[in-house]
């Protein structure tokens, strides 16, 4: 096993082939944009609500910016996570479809 660790290698070997078979676009849209970006949007909205109620600050102009920033950031996270998982998957030698290994 390399520096990536036994636990990471085990997860990648078991789960990544099925995830990657569904495709990069689905991964980026579901896990990046919807899951990561959506949860980030909800978390920021919760913080804004707390700030408005606790401190009496009016932040109405920011409400539209939150999804405009968080959702693309989630998609970017999805792309980076896909790339990184692919790199580790190949370096650990789990990619049987790549004959150059």
PDB file of N, CA and C in Angstrom:
ATOM      1  N   UNK A   1       0.848  -1.181   0.000  1.00  0.00           N
ATOM      2  CA  UNK A   1       0.000   0.000   0.000  1.00  0.00           C
ATOM      3  C   UNK A   1       0.894   1.244   0.000  1.00  0.00           C
ATOM      4  N   UNK A   2       0.433   2.297  -0.622  1.00  0.00           N
ATOM      5  CA  UNK A   2       1.225   3.521  -0.700  1.00  0.00           C
ATOM      6  C   UNK A   2       0.839   4.479   0.416  1.00  0.00           C
ATOM      7  N   UNK A   3       1.235   5.729   0.254  1.00  0.00           N
ATOM      8  CA  UNK A   3       0.937   6.761   1.251  1.00  0.00           C
ATOM      9  C   UNK A   3      -0.542   7.078   1.380  1.00  0.00           C
ATOM     10  N   UNK A   4      -1.364   6.589   0.479  1.00  0.00           N
ATOM     11  CA  UNK A   4      -2.778   6.930   0.519  1.00  0.00           C
ATOM     12  C   UNK A   4      -3.497   6.228   1.653  1.00  0.00           C
ATOM     13  N   UNK A   5      -2.952   5.169   2.141  1.00  0.00           N
ATOM     14  CA  UNK A   5      -3.515   4.491   3.299  1.00  0.00           C
ATOM     15  C   UNK A   5      -4.393   3.312   2.927  1.00  0.00           C
ATOM     16  N   UNK A   6      -4.479   2.392   3.848  1.00  0.00           N
ATOM     17  CA  UNK A   6      -5.237   1.166   3.633  1.00  0.00           C
ATOM     18  C   UNK A   6      -6.732   1.441   3.520  1.00  0.00           C
ATOM     19  N   UNK A   7      -7.224   2.338   4.346  1.00  0.00           N
ATOM     20  CA  UNK A   7      -8.656   2.642   4.366  1.00  0.00           C
ATOM     21  C   UNK A   7      -9.105   3.286   3.060  1.00  0.00           C
ATOM     22  N   UNK A   8      -8.325   4.239   2.549  1.00  0.00           N
ATOM     23  CA  UNK A   8      -8.639   4.900   1.291  1.00  0.00           C
ATOM     24  C   UNK A   8      -8.613   3.902   0.148  1.00  0.00           C
ATOM     25  N   UNK A   9      -7.599   3.075   0.115  1.00  0.00           N
ATOM     26  CA  UNK A   9      -7.484   2.073  -0.931  1.00  0.00           C
ATOM     27  C   UNK A   9      -8.641   1.097  -0.911  1.00  0.00           C
ATOM     28  N   UNK A  10      -9.056   0.704   0.264  1.00  0.00           N
ATOM     29  CA  UNK A  10     -10.169  -0.218   0.408  1.00  0.00           C
ATOM     30  C   UNK A  10     -11.459   0.401  -0.123  1.00  0.00           C
ATOM     31  N   UNK A  11     -11.722   1.648   0.239  1.00  0.00           N
ATOM     32  CA  UNK A  11     -12.924   2.336  -0.237  1.00  0.00           C
ATOM     33  C   UNK A  11     -12.890   2.485  -1.747  1.00  0.00           C
ATOM     34  N   UNK A  12     -11.746   2.920  -2.260  1.00  0.00           N
ATOM     35  CA  UNK A  12     -11.629   3.104  -3.703  1.00  0.00           C
ATOM     36  C   UNK A  12     -11.807   1.790  -4.446  1.00  0.00           C
ATOM     37  N   UNK A  13     -11.249   0.749  -3.955  1.00  0.00           N
ATOM     38  CA  UNK A  13     -11.337  -0.543  -4.635  1.00  0.00           C
ATOM     39  C   UNK A  13     -12.777  -1.054  -4.637  1.00  0.00           C
ATOM     40  N   UNK A  14     -13.508  -0.841  -3.548  1.00  0.00           N
ATOM     41  CA  UNK A  14     -14.872  -1.343  -3.444  1.00  0.00           C
ATOM     42  C   UNK A  14     -15.896  -0.444  -4.137  1.00  0.00           C
ATOM     43  N   UNK A  15     -15.836   0.852  -3.903  1.00  0.00           N
ATOM     44  CA  UNK A  15     -16.916   1.756  -4.309  1.00  0.00           C
ATOM     45  C   UNK A  15     -16.658   2.533  -5.591  1.00  0.00           C
ATOM     46  N   UNK A  16     -15.416   2.903  -5.848  1.00  0.00           N
ATOM     47  CA  UNK A  16     -15.141   3.797  -6.969  1.00  0.00           C
ATOM     48  C   UNK A  16     -15.499   3.216  -8.336  1.00  0.00           C
ATOM     49  N   UNK A  17     -15.277   1.921  -8.603  1.00  0.00           N
ATOM     50  CA  UNK A  17     -15.654   1.409  -9.926  1.00  0.00           C
ATOM     51  C   UNK A  17     -17.137   1.618 -10.255  1.00  0.00           C
ATOM     52  N   UNK A  18     -18.023   1.413  -9.290  1.00  0.00           N
ATOM     53  CA  UNK A  18     -19.454   1.620  -9.532  1.00  0.00           C
ATOM     54  C   UNK A  18     -19.773   3.099  -9.715  1.00  0.00           C
ATOM     55  N   UNK A  19     -19.123   3.950  -8.935  1.00  0.00           N
ATOM     56  CA  UNK A  19     -19.362   5.395  -9.049  1.00  0.00           C
ATOM     57  C   UNK A  19     -18.853   5.907 -10.386  1.00  0.00           C
ATOM     58  N   UNK A  20     -17.668   5.490 -10.769  1.00  0.00           N
ATOM     59  CA  UNK A  20     -17.094   5.988 -12.028  1.00  0.00           C
ATOM     60  C   UNK A  20     -17.821   5.424 -13.230  1.00  0.00           C
ATOM     61  N   UNK A  21     -18.473   4.245 -13.101  1.00  0.00           N
ATOM     62  CA  UNK A  21     -19.243   3.679 -14.205  1.00  0.00           C
ATOM     63  C   UNK A  21     -20.463   4.539 -14.535  1.00  0.00           C
ATOM     64  N   UNK A  22     -20.982   5.259 -13.533  1.00  0.00           N
ATOM     65  CA  UNK A  22     -22.121   6.159 -13.773  1.00  0.00           C
ATOM     66  C   UNK A  22     -21.705   7.436 -14.482  1.00  0.00           C
ATOM     67  N   UNK A  23     -20.423   7.747 -14.462  1.00  0.00           N
ATOM     68  CA  UNK A  23     -19.917   8.878 -15.220  1.00  0.00           C
ATOM     69  C   UNK A  23     -19.570  10.097 -14.392  1.00  0.00           C
ATOM     70  N   UNK A  24     -18.657  10.885 -14.975  1.00  0.00           N
ATOM     71  CA  UNK A  24     -18.169  12.097 -14.307  1.00  0.00           C
ATOM     72  C   UNK A  24     -19.268  13.151 -14.184  1.00  0.00           C
ATOM     73  N   UNK A  25     -20.073  13.318 -15.243  1.00  0.00           N
ATOM     74  CA  UNK A  25     -21.119  14.342 -15.211  1.00  0.00           C
ATOM     75  C   UNK A  25     -22.098  14.102 -14.078  1.00  0.00           C
ATOM     76  N   UNK A  26     -22.525  12.859 -13.922  1.00  0.00           N
ATOM     77  CA  UNK A  26     -23.462  12.541 -12.842  1.00  0.00           C
ATOM     78  C   UNK A  26     -22.816  12.790 -11.477  1.00  0.00           C
ATOM     79  N   UNK A  27     -21.568  12.393 -11.333  1.00  0.00           N
ATOM     80  CA  UNK A  27     -20.853  12.606 -10.072  1.00  0.00           C
ATOM     81  C   UNK A  27     -20.790  14.094  -9.731  1.00  0.00           C
ATOM     82  N   UNK A  28     -20.407  14.904 -10.730  1.00  0.00           N
ATOM     83  CA  UNK A  28     -20.270  16.345 -10.496  1.00  0.00           C
ATOM     84  C   UNK A  28     -21.627  16.971 -10.178  1.00  0.00           C
ATOM     85  N   UNK A  29     -22.661  16.578 -10.915  1.00  0.00           N
ATOM     86  CA  UNK A  29     -23.985  17.165 -10.681  1.00  0.00           C
ATOM     87  C   UNK A  29     -24.587  16.734  -9.345  1.00  0.00           C
ATOM     88  N   UNK A  30     -24.529  15.424  -9.062  1.00  0.00           N
ATOM     89  CA  UNK A  30     -25.188  14.921  -7.850  1.00  0.00           C
ATOM     90  C   UNK A  30     -24.358  15.191  -6.601  1.00  0.00           C
ATOM     91  N   UNK A  31     -23.110  14.740  -6.592  1.00  0.00           N
ATOM     92  CA  UNK A  31     -22.295  14.873  -5.379  1.00  0.00           C
ATOM     93  C   UNK A  31     -21.686  16.261  -5.219  1.00  0.00           C
ATOM     94  N   UNK A  32     -21.393  16.903  -6.338  1.00  0.00           N
ATOM     95  CA  UNK A  32     -20.793  18.234  -6.269  1.00  0.00           C
ATOM     96  C   UNK A  32     -21.820  19.328  -6.168  1.00  0.00           C
ATOM     97  N   UNK A  33     -22.556  19.532  -7.259  1.00  0.00           N
ATOM     98  CA  UNK A  33     -23.504  20.641  -7.343  1.00  0.00           C
ATOM     99  C   UNK A  33     -24.639  20.498  -6.334  1.00  0.00           C
ATOM    100  N   UNK A  34     -25.355  19.378  -6.375  1.00  0.00           N
ATOM    101  CA  UNK A  34     -26.521  19.230  -5.505  1.00  0.00           C
ATOM    102  C   UNK A  34     -26.158  18.980  -4.054  1.00  0.00           C
ATOM    103  N   UNK A  35     -25.302  18.000  -3.809  1.00  0.00           N
ATOM    104  CA  UNK A  35     -25.009  17.634  -2.421  1.00  0.00           C
ATOM    105  C   UNK A  35     -24.110  18.666  -1.744  1.00  0.00           C
ATOM    106  N   UNK A  36     -22.904  18.845  -2.270  1.00  0.00           N
ATOM    107  CA  UNK A  36     -21.955  19.755  -1.631  1.00  0.00           C
ATOM    108  C   UNK A  36     -22.421  21.214  -1.748  1.00  0.00           C
ATOM    109  N   UNK A  37     -22.737  21.639  -2.974  1.00  0.00           N
ATOM    110  CA  UNK A  37     -23.183  23.015  -3.182  1.00  0.00           C
ATOM    111  C   UNK A  37     -24.511  23.301  -2.495  1.00  0.00           C
ATOM    112  N   UNK A  38     -25.420  22.333  -2.539  1.00  0.00           N
ATOM    113  CA  UNK A  38     -26.715  22.512  -1.880  1.00  0.00           C
ATOM    114  C   UNK A  38     -26.591  22.606  -0.372  1.00  0.00           C
ATOM    115  N   UNK A  39     -25.791  21.719   0.212  1.00  0.00           N
ATOM    116  CA  UNK A  39     -25.589  21.771   1.668  1.00  0.00           C
ATOM    117  C   UNK A  39     -24.869  23.056   2.091  1.00  0.00           C
ATOM    118  N   UNK A  40     -23.926  23.496   1.264  1.00  0.00           N
ATOM    119  CA  UNK A  40     -23.242  24.754   1.556  1.00  0.00           C
ATOM    120  C   UNK A  40     -24.236  25.920   1.507  1.00  0.00           C
ATOM    121  N   UNK A  41     -25.132  25.907   0.532  1.00  0.00           N
ATOM    122  CA  UNK A  41     -26.149  26.953   0.413  1.00  0.00           C
ATOM    123  C   UNK A  41     -27.041  26.977   1.645  1.00  0.00           C
ATOM    124  N   UNK A  42     -27.513  25.812   2.064  1.00  0.00           N
ATOM    125  CA  UNK A  42     -28.372  25.722   3.249  1.00  0.00           C
ATOM    126  C   UNK A  42     -27.622  26.197   4.490  1.00  0.00           C
ATOM    127  N   UNK A  43     -26.362  25.805   4.633  1.00  0.00           N
ATOM    128  CA  UNK A  43     -25.576  26.214   5.796  1.00  0.00           C
ATOM    129  C   UNK A  43     -25.377  27.730   5.830  1.00  0.00           C
ATOM    130  N   UNK A  44     -25.085  28.324   4.682  1.00  0.00           N
ATOM    131  CA  UNK A  44     -24.887  29.779   4.643  1.00  0.00           C
ATOM    132  C   UNK A  44     -26.204  30.490   4.920  1.00  0.00           C
ATOM    133  N   UNK A  45     -27.309  29.978   4.367  1.00  0.00           N
ATOM    134  CA  UNK A  45     -28.621  30.564   4.668  1.00  0.00           C
ATOM    135  C   UNK A  45     -28.910  30.509   6.170  1.00  0.00           C
ATOM    136  N   UNK A  46     -28.577  29.387   6.808  1.00  0.00           N
ATOM    137  CA  UNK A  46     -28.797  29.256   8.251  1.00  0.00           C
ATOM    138  C   UNK A  46     -27.965  30.283   9.017  1.00  0.00           C
ATOM    139  N   UNK A  47     -26.724  30.486   8.593  1.00  0.00           N
ATOM    140  CA  UNK A  47     -25.875  31.486   9.260  1.00  0.00           C
ATOM    141  C   UNK A  47     -26.418  32.902   9.045  1.00  0.00           C
ATOM    142  N   UNK A  48     -26.926  33.166   7.855  1.00  0.00           N
ATOM    143  CA  UNK A  48     -27.506  34.487   7.585  1.00  0.00           C
ATOM    144  C   UNK A  48     -28.742  34.719   8.434  1.00  0.00           C
ATOM    145  N   UNK A  49     -29.593  33.712   8.544  1.00  0.00           N
ATOM    146  CA  UNK A  49     -30.777  33.836   9.394  1.00  0.00           C
ATOM    147  C   UNK A  49     -30.391  34.086  10.843  1.00  0.00           C
ATOM    148  N   UNK A  50     -29.417  33.342  11.314  1.00  0.00           N
ATOM    149  CA  UNK A  50     -28.951  33.529  12.684  1.00  0.00           C
ATOM    150  C   UNK A  50     -28.424  34.946  12.890  1.00  0.00           C
ATOM    151  N   UNK A  51     -27.638  35.422  11.947  1.00  0.00           N
ATOM    152  CA  UNK A  51     -27.090  36.779  12.056  1.00  0.00           C
ATOM    153  C   UNK A  51     -28.184  37.830  12.044  1.00  0.00           C
ATOM    154  N   UNK A  52     -29.182  37.638  11.184  1.00  0.00           N
ATOM    155  CA  UNK A  52     -30.272  38.607  11.117  1.00  0.00           C
ATOM    156  C   UNK A  52     -31.055  38.648  12.414  1.00  0.00           C
ATOM    157  N   UNK A  53     -31.329  37.477  12.988  1.00  0.00           N
ATOM    158  CA  UNK A  53     -32.119  37.433  14.218  1.00  0.00           C
ATOM    159  C   UNK A  53     -31.296  37.804  15.450  1.00  0.00           C
ATOM    160  N   UNK A  54     -30.074  37.364  15.527  1.00  0.00           N
ATOM    161  CA  UNK A  54     -29.263  37.603  16.720  1.00  0.00           C
ATOM    162  C   UNK A  54     -28.723  39.023  16.788  1.00  0.00           C
ATOM    163  N   UNK A  55     -28.367  39.576  15.642  1.00  0.00           N
ATOM    164  CA  UNK A  55     -27.703  40.869  15.644  1.00  0.00           C
ATOM    165  C   UNK A  55     -28.518  41.979  14.994  1.00  0.00           C
ATOM    166  N   UNK A  56     -29.670  41.634  14.452  1.00  0.00           N
ATOM    167  CA  UNK A  56     -30.515  42.632  13.820  1.00  0.00           C
ATOM    168  C   UNK A  56     -29.943  43.191  12.524  1.00  0.00           C
ATOM    169  N   UNK A  57     -29.052  42.474  11.914  1.00  0.00           N
ATOM    170  CA  UNK A  57     -28.425  42.920  10.670  1.00  0.00           C
ATOM    171  C   UNK A  57     -29.342  42.554   9.506  1.00  0.00           C
ATOM    172  N   UNK A  58     -29.514  43.473   8.576  1.00  0.00           N
ATOM    173  CA  UNK A  58     -30.322  43.219   7.382  1.00  0.00           C
ATOM    174  C   UNK A  58     -29.403  42.801   6.234  1.00  0.00           C
ATOM    175  N   UNK A  59     -29.525  41.557   5.811  1.00  0.00           N
ATOM    176  CA  UNK A  59     -28.653  41.012   4.779  1.00  0.00           C
ATOM    177  C   UNK A  59     -29.437  40.543   3.560  1.00  0.00           C
ATOM    178  N   UNK A  60     -30.515  41.256   3.222  1.00  0.00           N
ATOM    179  CA  UNK A  60     -31.392  40.815   2.131  1.00  0.00           C
ATOM    180  C   UNK A  60     -30.694  40.795   0.780  1.00  0.00           C
ATOM    181  N   UNK A  61     -29.754  41.683   0.543  1.00  0.00           N
ATOM    182  CA  UNK A  61     -29.060  41.725  -0.736  1.00  0.00           C
ATOM    183  C   UNK A  61     -28.156  40.532  -0.983  1.00  0.00           C
ATOM    184  N   UNK A  62     -27.784  39.849   0.075  1.00  0.00           N
ATOM    185  CA  UNK A  62     -26.851  38.728  -0.043  1.00  0.00           C
ATOM    186  C   UNK A  62     -27.572  37.424  -0.380  1.00  0.00           C
ATOM    187  N   UNK A  63     -28.853  37.336  -0.103  1.00  0.00           N
ATOM    188  CA  UNK A  63     -29.584  36.085  -0.259  1.00  0.00           C
ATOM    189  C   UNK A  63     -29.489  35.508  -1.671  1.00  0.00           C
ATOM    190  N   UNK A  64     -29.500  36.353  -2.689  1.00  0.00           N
ATOM    191  CA  UNK A  64     -29.414  35.855  -4.059  1.00  0.00           C
ATOM    192  C   UNK A  64     -27.988  35.453  -4.447  1.00  0.00           C
ATOM    193  N   UNK A  65     -27.016  36.015  -3.773  1.00  0.00           N
ATOM    194  CA  UNK A  65     -25.628  35.677  -4.065  1.00  0.00           C
ATOM    195  C   UNK A  65     -25.227  34.291  -3.551  1.00  0.00           C
ATOM    196  N   UNK A  66     -25.902  33.850  -2.505  1.00  0.00           N
ATOM    197  CA  UNK A  66     -25.507  32.594  -1.860  1.00  0.00           C
ATOM    198  C   UNK A  66     -25.547  31.415  -2.838  1.00  0.00           C
ATOM    199  N   UNK A  67     -26.678  31.118  -3.492  1.00  0.00           N
ATOM    200  CA  UNK A  67     -26.642  29.989  -4.431  1.00  0.00           C
ATOM    201  C   UNK A  67     -25.768  30.273  -5.650  1.00  0.00           C
ATOM    202  N   UNK A  68     -25.660  31.537  -6.030  1.00  0.00           N
ATOM    203  CA  UNK A  68     -24.822  31.886  -7.188  1.00  0.00           C
ATOM    204  C   UNK A  68     -23.347  31.602  -6.915  1.00  0.00           C
ATOM    205  N   UNK A  69     -22.942  31.607  -5.657  1.00  0.00           N
ATOM    206  CA  UNK A  69     -21.552  31.299  -5.300  1.00  0.00           C
ATOM    207  C   UNK A  69     -21.373  29.856  -4.837  1.00  0.00           C
ATOM    208  N   UNK A  70     -22.314  29.351  -4.047  1.00  0.00           N
ATOM    209  CA  UNK A  70     -22.159  28.021  -3.453  1.00  0.00           C
ATOM    210  C   UNK A  70     -22.351  26.889  -4.459  1.00  0.00           C
ATOM    211  N   UNK A  71     -23.317  27.012  -5.354  1.00  0.00           N
ATOM    212  CA  UNK A  71     -23.561  25.924  -6.306  1.00  0.00           C
ATOM    213  C   UNK A  71     -22.403  25.729  -7.284  1.00  0.00           C
ATOM    214  N   UNK A  72     -21.867  26.794  -7.896  1.00  0.00           N
ATOM    215  CA  UNK A  72     -20.679  26.583  -8.729  1.00  0.00           C
ATOM    216  C   UNK A  72     -19.468  26.073  -7.932  1.00  0.00           C
ATOM    217  N   UNK A  73     -19.340  26.512  -6.683  1.00  0.00           N
ATOM    218  CA  UNK A  73     -18.248  26.006  -5.841  1.00  0.00           C
ATOM    219  C   UNK A  73     -18.428  24.508  -5.600  1.00  0.00           C
ATOM    220  N   UNK A  74     -19.664  24.061  -5.434  1.00  0.00           N
ATOM    221  CA  UNK A  74     -19.932  22.634  -5.280  1.00  0.00           C
ATOM    222  C   UNK A  74     -19.578  21.852  -6.535  1.00  0.00           C
ATOM    223  N   UNK A  75     -19.893  22.418  -7.702  1.00  0.00           N
ATOM    224  CA  UNK A  75     -19.534  21.757  -8.961  1.00  0.00           C
ATOM    225  C   UNK A  75     -18.017  21.674  -9.107  1.00  0.00           C
ATOM    226  N   UNK A  76     -17.323  22.731  -8.734  1.00  0.00           N
ATOM    227  CA  UNK A  76     -15.861  22.712  -8.774  1.00  0.00           C
ATOM    228  C   UNK A  76     -15.318  21.652  -7.828  1.00  0.00           C
ATOM    229  N   UNK A  77     -15.885  21.567  -6.628  1.00  0.00           N
ATOM    230  CA  UNK A  77     -15.480  20.530  -5.685  1.00  0.00           C
ATOM    231  C   UNK A  77     -15.696  19.149  -6.303  1.00  0.00           C
ATOM    232  N   UNK A  78     -16.819  18.947  -6.976  1.00  0.00           N
ATOM    233  CA  UNK A  78     -17.099  17.667  -7.619  1.00  0.00           C
ATOM    234  C   UNK A  78     -16.060  17.317  -8.664  1.00  0.00           C
ATOM    235  N   UNK A  79     -15.671  18.297  -9.479  1.00  0.00           N
ATOM    236  CA  UNK A  79     -14.633  18.057 -10.488  1.00  0.00           C
ATOM    237  C   UNK A  79     -13.298  17.701  -9.853  1.00  0.00           C
ATOM    238  N   UNK A  80     -12.932  18.440  -8.817  1.00  0.00           N
ATOM    239  CA  UNK A  80     -11.663  18.156  -8.133  1.00  0.00           C
ATOM    240  C   UNK A  80     -11.687  16.796  -7.438  1.00  0.00           C
ATOM    241  N   UNK A  81     -12.804  16.463  -6.811  1.00  0.00           N
ATOM    242  CA  UNK A  81     -12.922  15.171  -6.129  1.00  0.00           C
ATOM    243  C   UNK A  81     -12.863  14.029  -7.132  1.00  0.00           C
ATOM    244  N   UNK A  82     -13.515  14.194  -8.287  1.00  0.00           N
ATOM    245  CA  UNK A  82     -13.452  13.167  -9.340  1.00  0.00           C
ATOM    246  C   UNK A  82     -12.009  12.957  -9.788  1.00  0.00           C
ATOM    247  N   UNK A  83     -11.356  14.057 -10.093  1.00  0.00           N
ATOM    248  CA  UNK A  83      -9.977  13.973 -10.570  1.00  0.00           C
ATOM    249  C   UNK A  83      -9.071  13.298  -9.533  1.00  0.00           C
ATOM    250  N   UNK A  84      -9.172  13.721  -8.299  1.00  0.00           N
ATOM    251  CA  UNK A  84      -8.313  13.181  -7.256  1.00  0.00           C
ATOM    252  C   UNK A  84      -8.573  11.693  -7.035  1.00  0.00           C
ATOM    253  N   UNK A  85      -9.836  11.278  -7.018  1.00  0.00           N
ATOM    254  CA  UNK A  85     -10.154   9.860  -6.866  1.00  0.00           C
ATOM    255  C   UNK A  85      -9.635   9.039  -8.036  1.00  0.00           C
ATOM    256  N   UNK A  86      -9.711   9.591  -9.236  1.00  0.00           N
ATOM    257  CA  UNK A  86      -9.176   8.899 -10.411  1.00  0.00           C
ATOM    258  C   UNK A  86      -7.657   8.730 -10.305  1.00  0.00           C
ATOM    259  N   UNK A  87      -6.977   9.778  -9.875  1.00  0.00           N
ATOM    260  CA  UNK A  87      -5.516   9.712  -9.733  1.00  0.00           C
ATOM    261  C   UNK A  87      -5.131   8.629  -8.721  1.00  0.00           C
ATOM    262  N   UNK A  88      -5.763   8.637  -7.575  1.00  0.00           N
ATOM    263  CA  UNK A  88      -5.444   7.648  -6.538  1.00  0.00           C
ATOM    264  C   UNK A  88      -5.807   6.241  -7.011  1.00  0.00           C
ATOM    265  N   UNK A  89      -6.973   6.106  -7.657  1.00  0.00           N
ATOM    266  CA  UNK A  89      -7.423   4.800  -8.155  1.00  0.00           C
ATOM    267  C   UNK A  89      -6.399   4.195  -9.105  1.00  0.00           C
ATOM    268  N   UNK A  90      -5.877   5.021  -9.982  1.00  0.00           N
ATOM    269  CA  UNK A  90      -4.882   4.530 -10.945  1.00  0.00           C
ATOM    270  C   UNK A  90      -3.540   4.241 -10.276  1.00  0.00           C
ATOM    271  N   UNK A  91      -3.111   5.125  -9.366  1.00  0.00           N
ATOM    272  CA  UNK A  91      -1.819   4.917  -8.705  1.00  0.00           C
ATOM    273  C   UNK A  91      -1.809   3.662  -7.840  1.00  0.00           C
ATOM    274  N   UNK A  92      -2.947   3.317  -7.279  1.00  0.00           N
ATOM    275  CA  UNK A  92      -3.017   2.104  -6.466  1.00  0.00           C
ATOM    276  C   UNK A  92      -3.148   0.850  -7.324  1.00  0.00           C
ATOM    277  N   UNK A  93      -3.287   1.023  -8.641  1.00  0.00           N
ATOM    278  CA  UNK A  93      -3.330  -0.111  -9.548  1.00  0.00           C
ATOM    279  C   UNK A  93      -4.669  -0.805  -9.643  1.00  0.00           C
ATOM    280  N   UNK A  94      -5.764  -0.114  -9.289  1.00  0.00           N
ATOM    281  CA  UNK A  94      -7.082  -0.731  -9.330  1.00  0.00           C
ATOM    282  C   UNK A  94      -7.738  -0.622 -10.702  1.00  0.00           C
ATOM    283  N   UNK A  95      -7.179   0.180 -11.596  1.00  0.00           N
ATOM    284  CA  UNK A  95      -7.773   0.417 -12.909  1.00  0.00           C
ATOM    285  C   UNK A  95      -7.398  -0.731 -13.852  1.00  0.00           C
ATOM    286  N   UNK A  96      -8.264  -1.715 -13.940  1.00  0.00           N
ATOM    287  CA  UNK A  96      -7.993  -2.892 -14.777  1.00  0.00           C
ATOM    288  C   UNK A  96      -8.203  -2.600 -16.261  1.00  0.00           C
ATOM    289  N   UNK A  97      -8.933  -1.526 -16.588  1.00  0.00           N
ATOM    290  CA  UNK A  97      -9.177  -1.193 -17.988  1.00  0.00           C
ATOM    291  C   UNK A  97      -8.011  -0.436 -18.611  1.00  0.00           C
ATOM    292  N   UNK A  98      -7.036  -0.039 -17.788  1.00  0.00           N
ATOM    293  CA  UNK A  98      -5.881   0.702 -18.287  1.00  0.00           C
ATOM    294  C   UNK A  98      -4.699  -0.257 -18.406  1.00  0.00           C
ATOM    295  N   UNK A  99      -4.379  -0.707 -19.636  1.00  0.00           N
ATOM    296  CA  UNK A  99      -3.312  -1.706 -19.796  1.00  0.00           C
ATOM    297  C   UNK A  99      -1.903  -1.171 -19.534  1.00  0.00           C
ATOM    298  N   UNK A 100      -1.737   0.129 -19.398  1.00  0.00           N
ATOM    299  CA  UNK A 100      -0.387   0.673 -19.170  1.00  0.00           C
ATOM    300  C   UNK A 100       0.077   0.477 -17.730  1.00  0.00           C
ATOM    301  N   UNK A 101      -0.739  -0.071 -16.892  1.00  0.00           N
ATOM    302  CA  UNK A 101      -0.378  -0.251 -15.486  1.00  0.00           C
ATOM    303  C   UNK A 101       0.493  -1.474 -15.321  1.00  0.00           C
TER     304      UNK A 101
END
